[in-house]
Amino acid sequence: MHLKQIDLGPEIGGANLVSEVLNRKRKLTVDMIRNLTTRLYLSPGIFSK
């Protein structure tokens, strides 16, 4: 799967938020995790520490 930052915008809330999450300036919220797991067919546990 070759995703770009812009591809995750709808699940996370926009390009700026994607950038902040990837640069560890902002943590994923529960809603972001739900959206990502649905889109990427992942288990929510993969996002835990």
PDB file of N, CA and C in Angstrom:
ATOM      1  N   MET A   1       0.852  -1.163   0.000  1.00  0.00           N
ATOM      2  CA  MET A   1       0.000   0.000   0.000  1.00  0.00           C
ATOM      3  C   MET A   1       0.906   1.237   0.000  1.00  0.00           C
ATOM      4  N   HIS A   2       0.776   2.046  -0.998  1.00  0.00           N
ATOM      5  CA  HIS A   2       1.602   3.248  -1.120  1.00  0.00           C
ATOM      6  C   HIS A   2       0.746   4.474  -0.868  1.00  0.00           C
ATOM      7  N   LEU A   3       0.647   4.853   0.398  1.00  0.00           N
ATOM      8  CA  LEU A   3      -0.147   6.011   0.775  1.00  0.00           C
ATOM      9  C   LEU A   3       0.738   7.232   0.947  1.00  0.00           C
ATOM     10  N   LYS A   4       0.177   8.367   0.616  1.00  0.00           N
ATOM     11  CA  LYS A   4       0.847   9.643   0.835  1.00  0.00           C
ATOM     12  C   LYS A   4       0.119  10.356   1.961  1.00  0.00           C
ATOM     13  N   GLN A   5       0.741  11.388   2.498  1.00  0.00           N
ATOM     14  CA  GLN A   5       0.118  12.143   3.586  1.00  0.00           C
ATOM     15  C   GLN A   5      -1.277  12.615   3.202  1.00  0.00           C
ATOM     16  N   ILE A   6      -1.439  13.099   1.995  1.00  0.00           N
ATOM     17  CA  ILE A   6      -2.723  13.643   1.548  1.00  0.00           C
ATOM     18  C   ILE A   6      -3.817  12.565   1.544  1.00  0.00           C
ATOM     19  N   ASP A   7      -3.422  11.304   1.374  1.00  0.00           N
ATOM     20  CA  ASP A   7      -4.390  10.205   1.356  1.00  0.00           C
ATOM     21  C   ASP A   7      -5.030   9.977   2.721  1.00  0.00           C
ATOM     22  N   LEU A   8      -4.356  10.374   3.787  1.00  0.00           N
ATOM     23  CA  LEU A   8      -4.864  10.160   5.143  1.00  0.00           C
ATOM     24  C   LEU A   8      -5.636  11.351   5.683  1.00  0.00           C
ATOM     25  N   GLY A   9      -5.678  12.421   4.939  1.00  0.00           N
ATOM     26  CA  GLY A   9      -6.374  13.634   5.362  1.00  0.00           C
ATOM     27  C   GLY A   9      -7.813  13.417   5.779  1.00  0.00           C
ATOM     28  N   PRO A  10      -8.613  12.723   4.978  1.00  0.00           N
ATOM     29  CA  PRO A  10     -10.015  12.529   5.357  1.00  0.00           C
ATOM     30  C   PRO A  10     -10.191  11.762   6.673  1.00  0.00           C
ATOM     31  N   GLU A  11      -9.319  10.823   6.953  1.00  0.00           N
ATOM     32  CA  GLU A  11      -9.436  10.022   8.173  1.00  0.00           C
ATOM     33  C   GLU A  11      -8.935  10.775   9.402  1.00  0.00           C
ATOM     34  N   ILE A  12      -7.929  11.619   9.217  1.00  0.00           N
ATOM     35  CA  ILE A  12      -7.334  12.299  10.362  1.00  0.00           C
ATOM     36  C   ILE A  12      -7.899  13.695  10.558  1.00  0.00           C
ATOM     37  N   GLY A  13      -8.273  14.340   9.491  1.00  0.00           N
ATOM     38  CA  GLY A  13      -8.872  15.666   9.635  1.00  0.00           C
ATOM     39  C   GLY A  13      -8.192  16.756   8.842  1.00  0.00           C
ATOM     40  N   GLY A  14      -7.447  16.399   7.833  1.00  0.00           N
ATOM     41  CA  GLY A  14      -6.804  17.393   6.987  1.00  0.00           C
ATOM     42  C   GLY A  14      -5.301  17.217   6.921  1.00  0.00           C
ATOM     43  N   ALA A  15      -4.714  17.835   5.912  1.00  0.00           N
ATOM     44  CA  ALA A  15      -3.278  17.691   5.673  1.00  0.00           C
ATOM     45  C   ALA A  15      -2.438  18.223   6.829  1.00  0.00           C
ATOM     46  N   ASN A  16      -2.878  19.319   7.434  1.00  0.00           N
ATOM     47  CA  ASN A  16      -2.105  19.884   8.555  1.00  0.00           C
ATOM     48  C   ASN A  16      -2.063  18.936   9.739  1.00  0.00           C
ATOM     49  N   LEU A  17      -3.200  18.319  10.053  1.00  0.00           N
ATOM     50  CA  LEU A  17      -3.229  17.375  11.178  1.00  0.00           C
ATOM     51  C   LEU A  17      -2.398  16.140  10.876  1.00  0.00           C
ATOM     52  N   VAL A  18      -2.446  15.659   9.641  1.00  0.00           N
ATOM     53  CA  VAL A  18      -1.629  14.500   9.262  1.00  0.00           C
ATOM     54  C   VAL A  18      -0.161  14.819   9.496  1.00  0.00           C
ATOM     55  N   SER A  19       0.273  15.984   9.059  1.00  0.00           N
ATOM     56  CA  SER A  19       1.655  16.400   9.235  1.00  0.00           C
ATOM     57  C   SER A  19       2.039  16.467  10.708  1.00  0.00           C
ATOM     58  N   GLU A  20       1.165  17.030  11.527  1.00  0.00           N
ATOM     59  CA  GLU A  20       1.446  17.142  12.958  1.00  0.00           C
ATOM     60  C   GLU A  20       1.529  15.772  13.621  1.00  0.00           C
ATOM     61  N   VAL A  21       0.661  14.855  13.238  1.00  0.00           N
ATOM     62  CA  VAL A  21       0.697  13.496  13.804  1.00  0.00           C
ATOM     63  C   VAL A  21       1.977  12.790  13.385  1.00  0.00           C
ATOM     64  N   LEU A  22       2.326  12.873  12.110  1.00  0.00           N
ATOM     65  CA  LEU A  22       3.528  12.195  11.620  1.00  0.00           C
ATOM     66  C   LEU A  22       4.810  12.788  12.201  1.00  0.00           C
ATOM     67  N   ASN A  23       4.775  14.053  12.547  1.00  0.00           N
ATOM     68  CA  ASN A  23       5.938  14.706  13.153  1.00  0.00           C
ATOM     69  C   ASN A  23       5.889  14.681  14.678  1.00  0.00           C
ATOM     70  N   ARG A  24       4.961  13.912  15.223  1.00  0.00           N
ATOM     71  CA  ARG A  24       4.794  13.709  16.668  1.00  0.00           C
ATOM     72  C   ARG A  24       4.538  14.994  17.445  1.00  0.00           C
ATOM     73  N   LYS A  25       3.890  15.933  16.803  1.00  0.00           N
ATOM     74  CA  LYS A  25       3.500  17.163  17.488  1.00  0.00           C
ATOM     75  C   LYS A  25       2.089  17.045  18.048  1.00  0.00           C
ATOM     76  N   ARG A  26       1.361  16.052  17.584  1.00  0.00           N
ATOM     77  CA  ARG A  26      -0.017  15.827  18.028  1.00  0.00           C
ATOM     78  C   ARG A  26      -0.248  14.319  18.083  1.00  0.00           C
ATOM     79  N   LYS A  27      -1.005  13.874  19.071  1.00  0.00           N
ATOM     80  CA  LYS A  27      -1.321  12.452  19.204  1.00  0.00           C
ATOM     81  C   LYS A  27      -2.600  12.126  18.444  1.00  0.00           C
ATOM     82  N   LEU A  28      -2.731  10.878  18.081  1.00  0.00           N
ATOM     83  CA  LEU A  28      -3.961  10.418  17.443  1.00  0.00           C
ATOM     84  C   LEU A  28      -5.089  10.418  18.467  1.00  0.00           C
ATOM     85  N   THR A  29      -6.262  10.843  18.041  1.00  0.00           N
ATOM     86  CA  THR A  29      -7.428  10.784  18.910  1.00  0.00           C
ATOM     87  C   THR A  29      -8.147   9.460  18.662  1.00  0.00           C
ATOM     88  N   VAL A  30      -9.097   9.147  19.511  1.00  0.00           N
ATOM     89  CA  VAL A  30      -9.882   7.920  19.350  1.00  0.00           C
ATOM     90  C   VAL A  30     -10.616   7.935  18.003  1.00  0.00           C
ATOM     91  N   ASP A  31     -11.171   9.079  17.630  1.00  0.00           N
ATOM     92  CA  ASP A  31     -11.876   9.178  16.349  1.00  0.00           C
ATOM     93  C   ASP A  31     -10.930   8.954  15.167  1.00  0.00           C
ATOM     94  N   MET A  32      -9.729   9.509  15.246  1.00  0.00           N
ATOM     95  CA  MET A  32      -8.747   9.312  14.178  1.00  0.00           C
ATOM     96  C   MET A  32      -8.396   7.829  14.043  1.00  0.00           C
ATOM     97  N   ILE A  33      -8.199   7.175  15.181  1.00  0.00           N
ATOM     98  CA  ILE A  33      -7.858   5.752  15.176  1.00  0.00           C
ATOM     99  C   ILE A  33      -9.000   4.935  14.587  1.00  0.00           C
ATOM    100  N   ARG A  34     -10.230   5.250  14.972  1.00  0.00           N
ATOM    101  CA  ARG A  34     -11.386   4.546  14.410  1.00  0.00           C
ATOM    102  C   ARG A  34     -11.423   4.691  12.895  1.00  0.00           C
ATOM    103  N   ASN A  35     -11.237   5.918  12.423  1.00  0.00           N
ATOM    104  CA  ASN A  35     -11.276   6.169  10.984  1.00  0.00           C
ATOM    105  C   ASN A  35     -10.155   5.449  10.247  1.00  0.00           C
ATOM    106  N   LEU A  36      -8.960   5.461  10.815  1.00  0.00           N
ATOM    107  CA  LEU A  36      -7.830   4.788  10.183  1.00  0.00           C
ATOM    108  C   LEU A  36      -8.010   3.273  10.152  1.00  0.00           C
ATOM    109  N   THR A  37      -8.492   2.702  11.252  1.00  0.00           N
ATOM    110  CA  THR A  37      -8.669   1.248  11.282  1.00  0.00           C
ATOM    111  C   THR A  37      -9.734   0.795  10.292  1.00  0.00           C
ATOM    112  N   THR A  38     -10.756   1.597  10.131  1.00  0.00           N
ATOM    113  CA  THR A  38     -11.799   1.265   9.151  1.00  0.00           C
ATOM    114  C   THR A  38     -11.245   1.353   7.737  1.00  0.00           C
ATOM    115  N   ARG A  39     -10.543   2.416   7.428  1.00  0.00           N
ATOM    116  CA  ARG A  39     -10.005   2.641   6.075  1.00  0.00           C
ATOM    117  C   ARG A  39      -8.933   1.634   5.716  1.00  0.00           C
ATOM    118  N   LEU A  40      -8.054   1.306   6.671  1.00  0.00           N
ATOM    119  CA  LEU A  40      -6.902   0.456   6.393  1.00  0.00           C
ATOM    120  C   LEU A  40      -7.097  -0.998   6.803  1.00  0.00           C
ATOM    121  N   TYR A  41      -8.286  -1.334   7.313  1.00  0.00           N
ATOM    122  CA  TYR A  41      -8.603  -2.707   7.741  1.00  0.00           C
ATOM    123  C   TYR A  41      -7.580  -3.228   8.760  1.00  0.00           C
ATOM    124  N   LEU A  42      -7.339  -2.426   9.798  1.00  0.00           N
ATOM    125  CA  LEU A  42      -6.395  -2.783  10.849  1.00  0.00           C
ATOM    126  C   LEU A  42      -7.118  -2.960  12.175  1.00  0.00           C
ATOM    127  N   SER A  43      -6.447  -3.603  13.104  1.00  0.00           N
ATOM    128  CA  SER A  43      -6.960  -3.710  14.462  1.00  0.00           C
ATOM    129  C   SER A  43      -6.609  -2.430  15.212  1.00  0.00           C
ATOM    130  N   PRO A  44      -7.536  -1.890  16.013  1.00  0.00           N
ATOM    131  CA  PRO A  44      -7.223  -0.680  16.771  1.00  0.00           C
ATOM    132  C   PRO A  44      -6.027  -0.848  17.708  1.00  0.00           C
ATOM    133  N   GLY A  45      -5.757  -2.065  18.140  1.00  0.00           N
ATOM    134  CA  GLY A  45      -4.649  -2.339  19.033  1.00  0.00           C
ATOM    135  C   GLY A  45      -3.288  -2.019  18.445  1.00  0.00           C
ATOM    136  N   ILE A  46      -3.212  -1.943  17.146  1.00  0.00           N
ATOM    137  CA  ILE A  46      -1.940  -1.646  16.494  1.00  0.00           C
ATOM    138  C   ILE A  46      -1.452  -0.234  16.802  1.00  0.00           C
ATOM    139  N   PHE A  47      -2.364   0.643  17.206  1.00  0.00           N
ATOM    140  CA  PHE A  47      -2.021   2.022  17.513  1.00  0.00           C
ATOM    141  C   PHE A  47      -1.691   2.250  18.988  1.00  0.00           C
ATOM    142  N   SER A  48      -1.752   1.203  19.794  1.00  0.00           N
ATOM    143  CA  SER A  48      -1.442   1.372  21.227  1.00  0.00           C
ATOM    144  C   SER A  48       0.066   1.269  21.430  1.00  0.00           C
ATOM    145  N   LYS A  49       0.514   1.741  22.568  1.00  0.00           N
ATOM    146  CA  LYS A  49       1.948   1.741  22.872  1.00  0.00           C
ATOM    147  C   LYS A  49       2.467   0.378  23.118  1.00  0.00           C
TER     148      LYS A  49
END
